[in-house]
C-alpha atoms as a PDB file:
ATOM      1  CA  MET A   1       0.000   0.000   0.000  1.00  0.00           C
ATOM      2  CA  SER A   2       1.262   3.438  -0.799  1.00  0.00           C
ATOM      3  CA  LYS A   3       1.729   5.586   2.282  1.00  0.00           C
ATOM      4  CA  LYS A   4       0.100   8.553   0.553  1.00  0.00           C
ATOM      5  CA  CYS A   5      -3.403   7.325  -0.144  1.00  0.00           C
ATOM      6  CA  LYS A   6      -6.113   9.905  -0.816  1.00  0.00           C
ATOM      7  CA  ARG A   7      -9.001   9.986   1.636  1.00  0.00           C
ATOM      8  CA  HIS A   8     -12.192  11.964   1.888  1.00  0.00           C
ATOM      9  CA  PHE A   9     -15.706  11.601   3.235  1.00  0.00           C
ATOM     10  CA  LEU A  10     -18.482  11.039   0.731  1.00  0.00           C
ATOM     11  CA  LYS A  11     -21.351  13.486   0.583  1.00  0.00           C
ATOM     12  CA  GLU A  12     -24.598  12.168   2.042  1.00  0.00           C
ATOM     13  CA  ARG A  13     -26.090  11.575  -1.414  1.00  0.00           C
ATOM     14  CA  GLU A  14     -22.982   9.677  -2.621  1.00  0.00           C
ATOM     15  CA  ALA A  15     -22.913   7.571   0.557  1.00  0.00           C
ATOM     16  CA  LYS A  16     -26.593   6.697   0.156  1.00  0.00           C
ATOM     17  CA  ALA A  17     -26.035   5.677  -3.487  1.00  0.00           C
ATOM     18  CA  LEU A  18     -23.079   3.489  -2.479  1.00  0.00           C
ATOM     19  CA  LEU A  19     -25.051   1.792   0.308  1.00  0.00           C
ATOM     20  CA  ASN A  20     -27.976   1.232  -2.059  1.00  0.00           C
ATOM     21  CA  GLU A  21     -25.631  -0.396  -4.595  1.00  0.00           C
ATOM     22  CA  ALA A  22     -24.094  -2.567  -1.871  1.00  0.00           C
ATOM     23  CA  SER A  23     -27.543  -3.490  -0.514  1.00  0.00           C
ATOM     24  CA  GLU A  24     -28.643  -4.623  -3.953  1.00  0.00           C
ATOM     25  CA  LYS A  25     -25.454  -6.604  -4.588  1.00  0.00           C
ATOM     26  CA  LEU A  26     -25.471  -8.260  -1.144  1.00  0.00           C
ATOM     27  CA  LYS A  27     -29.265  -8.643  -0.996  1.00  0.00           C
ATOM     28  CA  VAL A  28     -29.326  -7.058   2.472  1.00  0.00           C
ATOM     29  CA  ASP A  29     -30.866  -3.726   3.500  1.00  0.00           C
ATOM     30  CA  LEU A  30     -27.818  -1.899   4.837  1.00  0.00           C
ATOM     31  CA  GLU A  31     -29.917   0.998   6.136  1.00  0.00           C
ATOM     32  CA  LYS A  32     -31.491  -1.456   8.594  1.00  0.00           C
ATOM     33  CA  VAL A  33     -28.082  -2.923   9.435  1.00  0.00           C
ATOM     34  CA  PHE A  34     -26.610   0.446  10.403  1.00  0.00           C
ATOM     35  CA  ARG A  35     -29.841   1.962  11.808  1.00  0.00           C
ATOM     36  CA  SER A  36     -28.123   5.240  12.624  1.00  0.00           C
ATOM     37  CA  GLU A  37     -26.389   7.988  10.711  1.00  0.00           C
ATOM     38  CA  VAL A  38     -23.772   6.567   8.393  1.00  0.00           C
ATOM     39  CA  LYS A  39     -20.488   8.279   7.576  1.00  0.00           C
ATOM     40  CA  VAL A  40     -18.649   6.842   4.575  1.00  0.00           C
ATOM     41  CA  GLU A  41     -15.018   7.650   3.904  1.00  0.00           C
ATOM     42  CA  LEU A  42     -13.415   6.787   0.560  1.00  0.00           C
ATOM     43  CA  VAL A  43      -9.773   5.723   0.564  1.00  0.00           C
ATOM     44  CA  LYS A  44      -8.143   5.503  -2.877  1.00  0.00           C
ATOM     45  CA  MET A  45      -5.507   2.780  -2.951  1.00  0.00           C
ATOM     46  CA  ASP A  46      -3.288   1.283  -5.628  1.00  0.00           C
ATOM     47  CA  PHE A  47      -5.679  -1.668  -6.246  1.00  0.00           C
ATOM     48  CA  GLY A  48      -8.934   0.311  -6.139  1.00  0.00           C
ATOM     49  CA  GLU A  49     -11.117   2.011  -3.537  1.00  0.00           C
ATOM     50  CA  VAL A  50     -11.913   1.100   0.065  1.00  0.00           C
ATOM     51  CA  PHE A  51     -14.980   2.461   1.822  1.00  0.00           C
ATOM     52  CA  LEU A  52     -14.841   2.950   5.564  1.00  0.00           C
ATOM     53  CA  VAL A  53     -18.382   2.866   6.950  1.00  0.00           C
ATOM     54  CA  ASN A  54     -18.448   4.528  10.364  1.00  0.00           C
ATOM     55  CA  GLY A  55     -14.687   4.033  10.534  1.00  0.00           C
ATOM     56  CA  LYS A  56     -14.639   0.315   9.601  1.00  0.00           C
ATOM     57  CA  PRO A  57     -13.301  -0.959   6.256  1.00  0.00           C
ATOM     58  CA  SER A  58     -16.546  -2.490   5.017  1.00  0.00           C
ATOM     59  CA  LEU A  59     -16.542  -2.382   1.220  1.00  0.00           C
ATOM     60  CA  PHE A  60     -14.046  -2.193  -1.598  1.00  0.00           C
ATOM     61  CA  LYS A  61     -14.337  -1.536  -5.291  1.00  0.00           C
ATOM     62  CA  ILE A  62     -12.095  -2.798  -8.053  1.00  0.00           C
ATOM     63  CA  GLU A  63     -12.964  -1.324 -11.427  1.00  0.00           C
ATOM     64  CA  GLU A  64     -16.781  -1.291 -11.301  1.00  0.00           C
ATOM     65  CA  HIS A  65     -17.154  -4.312  -8.992  1.00  0.00           C
ATOM     66  CA  LEU A  66     -18.214  -3.687  -5.390  1.00  0.00           C
ATOM     67  CA  TYR A  67     -17.468  -6.305  -2.710  1.00  0.00           C
ATOM     68  CA  PRO A  68     -17.685  -6.598   1.081  1.00  0.00           C
ATOM     69  CA  THR A  69     -14.413  -6.889   2.959  1.00  0.00           C
ATOM     70  CA  LEU A  70     -13.715  -9.793   5.285  1.00  0.00           C
ATOM     71  CA  LEU A  71     -13.804  -7.225   8.105  1.00  0.00           C
ATOM     72  CA  PHE A  72     -17.452  -6.252   7.430  1.00  0.00           C
ATOM     73  CA  GLU A  73     -18.763  -8.123  10.480  1.00  0.00           C
ATOM     74  CA  GLU A  74     -22.262  -6.611  10.372  1.00  0.00           C
ATOM     75  CA  ILE A  75     -22.987  -8.200   6.986  1.00  0.00           C
ATOM     76  CA  PHE A  76     -21.317 -11.538   7.695  1.00  0.00           C
ATOM     77  CA  LYS A  77     -24.216 -12.850   9.791  1.00  0.00           C
ATOM     78  CA  LEU A  78     -26.779 -11.905   7.130  1.00  0.00           C
ATOM     79  CA  THR A  79     -25.253 -13.415   3.980  1.00  0.00           C
ATOM     80  CA  PRO A  80     -24.953 -16.993   2.699  1.00  0.00           C
ATOM     81  CA  ARG A  81     -21.867 -18.972   3.639  1.00  0.00           C
ATOM     82  CA  VAL A  82     -19.912 -21.846   2.165  1.00  0.00           C
ATOM     83  CA  VAL A  83     -18.289 -23.964   4.869  1.00  0.00           C
ATOM     84  CA  VAL A  84     -15.025 -25.645   3.847  1.00  0.00           C
ATOM     85  CA  ASP A  85     -12.934 -28.353   5.459  1.00  0.00           C
ATOM     86  CA  MET A  86      -9.677 -27.472   7.178  1.00  0.00           C
ATOM     87  CA  GLY A  87      -7.604 -28.922   4.321  1.00  0.00           C
ATOM     88  CA  ALA A  88      -9.007 -26.381   1.850  1.00  0.00           C
ATOM     89  CA  ILE A  89      -8.078 -23.311   3.896  1.00  0.00           C
ATOM     90  CA  ARG A  90      -4.403 -23.202   2.904  1.00  0.00           C
ATOM     91  CA  HIS A  91      -5.301 -23.272  -0.788  1.00  0.00           C
ATOM     92  CA  ILE A  92      -8.083 -20.688  -0.524  1.00  0.00           C
ATOM     93  CA  CYS A  93      -5.813 -18.344   1.467  1.00  0.00           C
ATOM     94  CA  ASN A  94      -3.295 -18.613  -1.385  1.00  0.00           C
ATOM     95  CA  GLY A  95      -5.917 -17.440  -3.879  1.00  0.00           C
ATOM     96  CA  ALA A  96      -7.392 -20.729  -5.104  1.00  0.00           C
ATOM     97  CA  ASN A  97     -11.056 -20.911  -6.014  1.00  0.00           C
ATOM     98  CA  VAL A  98     -13.332 -22.998  -3.791  1.00  0.00           C
ATOM     99  CA  MET A  99     -13.602 -26.511  -5.207  1.00  0.00           C
ATOM    100  CA  ALA A 100     -16.533 -28.860  -4.603  1.00  0.00           C
ATOM    101  CA  PRO A 101     -14.535 -31.593  -2.790  1.00  0.00           C
ATOM    102  CA  GLY A 102     -13.459 -29.107  -0.077  1.00  0.00           C
ATOM    103  CA  ILE A 103     -16.992 -27.977   0.736  1.00  0.00           C
ATOM    104  CA  VAL A 104     -18.594 -29.379   3.882  1.00  0.00           C
ATOM    105  CA  ARG A 105     -21.967 -27.589   3.584  1.00  0.00           C
ATOM    106  CA  PHE A 106     -23.824 -24.476   2.461  1.00  0.00           C
ATOM    107  CA  GLU A 107     -25.651 -22.085   4.800  1.00  0.00           C
ATOM    108  CA  GLY A 108     -28.357 -19.820   3.405  1.00  0.00           C
ATOM    109  CA  ASP A 109     -29.906 -19.459  -0.022  1.00  0.00           C
ATOM    110  CA  PHE A 110     -28.101 -17.915  -2.977  1.00  0.00           C
ATOM    111  CA  ARG A 111     -28.331 -17.557  -6.721  1.00  0.00           C
ATOM    112  CA  LYS A 112     -25.670 -17.949  -9.373  1.00  0.00           C
ATOM    113  CA  GLY A 113     -23.477 -14.828  -9.302  1.00  0.00           C
ATOM    114  CA  ASP A 114     -24.250 -13.920  -5.670  1.00  0.00           C
ATOM    115  CA  LEU A 115     -21.492 -13.084  -3.227  1.00  0.00           C
ATOM    116  CA  VAL A 116     -20.897 -15.546  -0.400  1.00  0.00           C
ATOM    117  CA  PHE A 117     -18.527 -15.745   2.528  1.00  0.00           C
ATOM    118  CA  VAL A 118     -16.282 -18.790   2.728  1.00  0.00           C
ATOM    119  CA  VAL A 119     -15.742 -19.966   6.311  1.00  0.00           C
ATOM    120  CA  ASP A 120     -13.740 -22.717   7.970  1.00  0.00           C
ATOM    121  CA  GLU A 121     -15.614 -25.648   9.515  1.00  0.00           C
ATOM    122  CA  LYS A 122     -13.829 -25.548  12.876  1.00  0.00           C
ATOM    123  CA  TYR A 123     -14.226 -21.916  13.929  1.00  0.00           C
ATOM    124  CA  GLY A 124     -16.704 -20.503  11.391  1.00  0.00           C
ATOM    125  CA  LYS A 125     -14.394 -17.571  10.649  1.00  0.00           C
ATOM    126  CA  PRO A 126     -14.551 -15.896   7.243  1.00  0.00           C
ATOM    127  CA  ILE A 127     -11.493 -16.675   5.130  1.00  0.00           C
ATOM    128  CA  ALA A 128     -12.713 -15.481   1.728  1.00  0.00           C
ATOM    129  CA  VAL A 129     -15.411 -13.674  -0.201  1.00  0.00           C
ATOM    130  CA  GLY A 130     -16.383 -15.163  -3.516  1.00  0.00           C
ATOM    131  CA  GLU A 131     -18.851 -15.247  -6.353  1.00  0.00           C
ATOM    132  CA  VAL A 132     -20.813 -18.491  -6.477  1.00  0.00           C
ATOM    133  CA  PHE A 133     -21.230 -20.290  -9.827  1.00  0.00           C
ATOM    134  CA  TYR A 134     -24.494 -22.107  -8.971  1.00  0.00           C
ATOM    135  CA  ASP A 135     -27.876 -21.583  -7.331  1.00  0.00           C
ATOM    136  CA  SER A 136     -28.011 -23.100  -3.827  1.00  0.00           C
ATOM    137  CA  ALA A 137     -30.170 -26.034  -4.989  1.00  0.00           C
ATOM    138  CA  GLU A 138     -27.664 -26.907  -7.740  1.00  0.00           C
ATOM    139  CA  ALA A 139     -24.525 -26.336  -5.639  1.00  0.00           C
ATOM    140  CA  VAL A 140     -25.286 -29.161  -3.199  1.00  0.00           C
ATOM    141  CA  LYS A 141     -25.283 -31.624  -6.123  1.00  0.00           C
ATOM    142  CA  VAL A 142     -21.902 -30.556  -7.538  1.00  0.00           C
ATOM    143  CA  LYS A 143     -19.184 -33.105  -6.769  1.00  0.00           C
ATOM    144  CA  GLN A 144     -16.196 -31.705  -8.678  1.00  0.00           C
ATOM    145  CA  GLY A 145     -14.870 -28.461 -10.085  1.00  0.00           C
ATOM    146  CA  VAL A 146     -15.045 -24.819  -9.038  1.00  0.00           C
ATOM    147  CA  VAL A 147     -18.099 -23.747  -7.036  1.00  0.00           C
ATOM    148  CA  VAL A 148     -16.959 -20.308  -5.837  1.00  0.00           C
ATOM    149  CA  LYS A 149     -14.631 -17.835  -7.560  1.00  0.00           C
ATOM    150  CA  ASN A 150     -12.311 -16.393  -4.910  1.00  0.00           C
ATOM    151  CA  VAL A 151     -12.294 -12.568  -5.089  1.00  0.00           C
ATOM    152  CA  HIS A 152     -10.896 -11.591  -1.656  1.00  0.00           C
ATOM    153  CA  PHE A 153      -9.132 -13.760   0.915  1.00  0.00           C
ATOM    154  CA  VAL A 154      -7.147 -13.567   4.131  1.00  0.00           C
ATOM    155  CA  GLY A 155      -3.603 -12.533   3.253  1.00  0.00           C
ATOM    156  CA  ASP A 156      -4.283 -10.962  -0.170  1.00  0.00           C
ATOM    157  CA  LYS A 157      -3.171  -7.416  -1.035  1.00  0.00           C
ATOM    158  CA  ILE A 158      -6.584  -6.048  -0.051  1.00  0.00           C
ATOM    159  CA  TRP A 159      -6.429  -7.767   3.360  1.00  0.00           C
ATOM    160  CA  LYS A 160      -2.922  -6.440   3.991  1.00  0.00           C
ATOM    161  CA  SER A 161      -3.914  -2.912   2.941  1.00  0.00           C
ATOM    162  CA  LEU A 162      -6.960  -2.992   5.241  1.00  0.00           C
ATOM    163  CA  LYS A 163      -4.808  -4.098   8.165  1.00  0.00           C
ATOM    164  CA  GLU A 164      -2.403  -1.205   7.479  1.00  0.00           C
ATOM    165  CA  LEU A 165      -5.337   1.213   7.346  1.00  0.00           C
ATOM    166  CA  LEU A 166      -6.407   0.101  10.806  1.00  0.00           C
ATOM    167  CA  LEU A 167      -2.991   0.735  12.368  1.00  0.00           C
END
């Protein structure tokens, strides 16, 4: 991460538009999640943009794609999850996509193209955010191949930049 990243707060209208876009993408009403006044700060980084919602790195944008960060705890409980076995974690945290043989179970309903959190089976901690390739009814039947495209994982450049931001 460059030490001189540009930061500024979004105007109320811009913040509302961003939260509406995120709500639509995540299929969760973020206004209900935050309940109170929301302050959104934009941080421009070398890989894209990070949005701090009430001081927490909650969303990031690369090109025109908006994603939740692994640190967006408020949304984690409300979105579908893919639970993976402990053997898959090392691969996923090195950037690999989530393969069917490593999946233990699915939690929640989702459609093809939705964003899901990938969690470990032992602790239930989020290790990745990905785009699922199947509807939930189809995904349980898949026995081989890629089920989730890995877009953000523990240890990637985004993760490291977010940790630096929090220092």
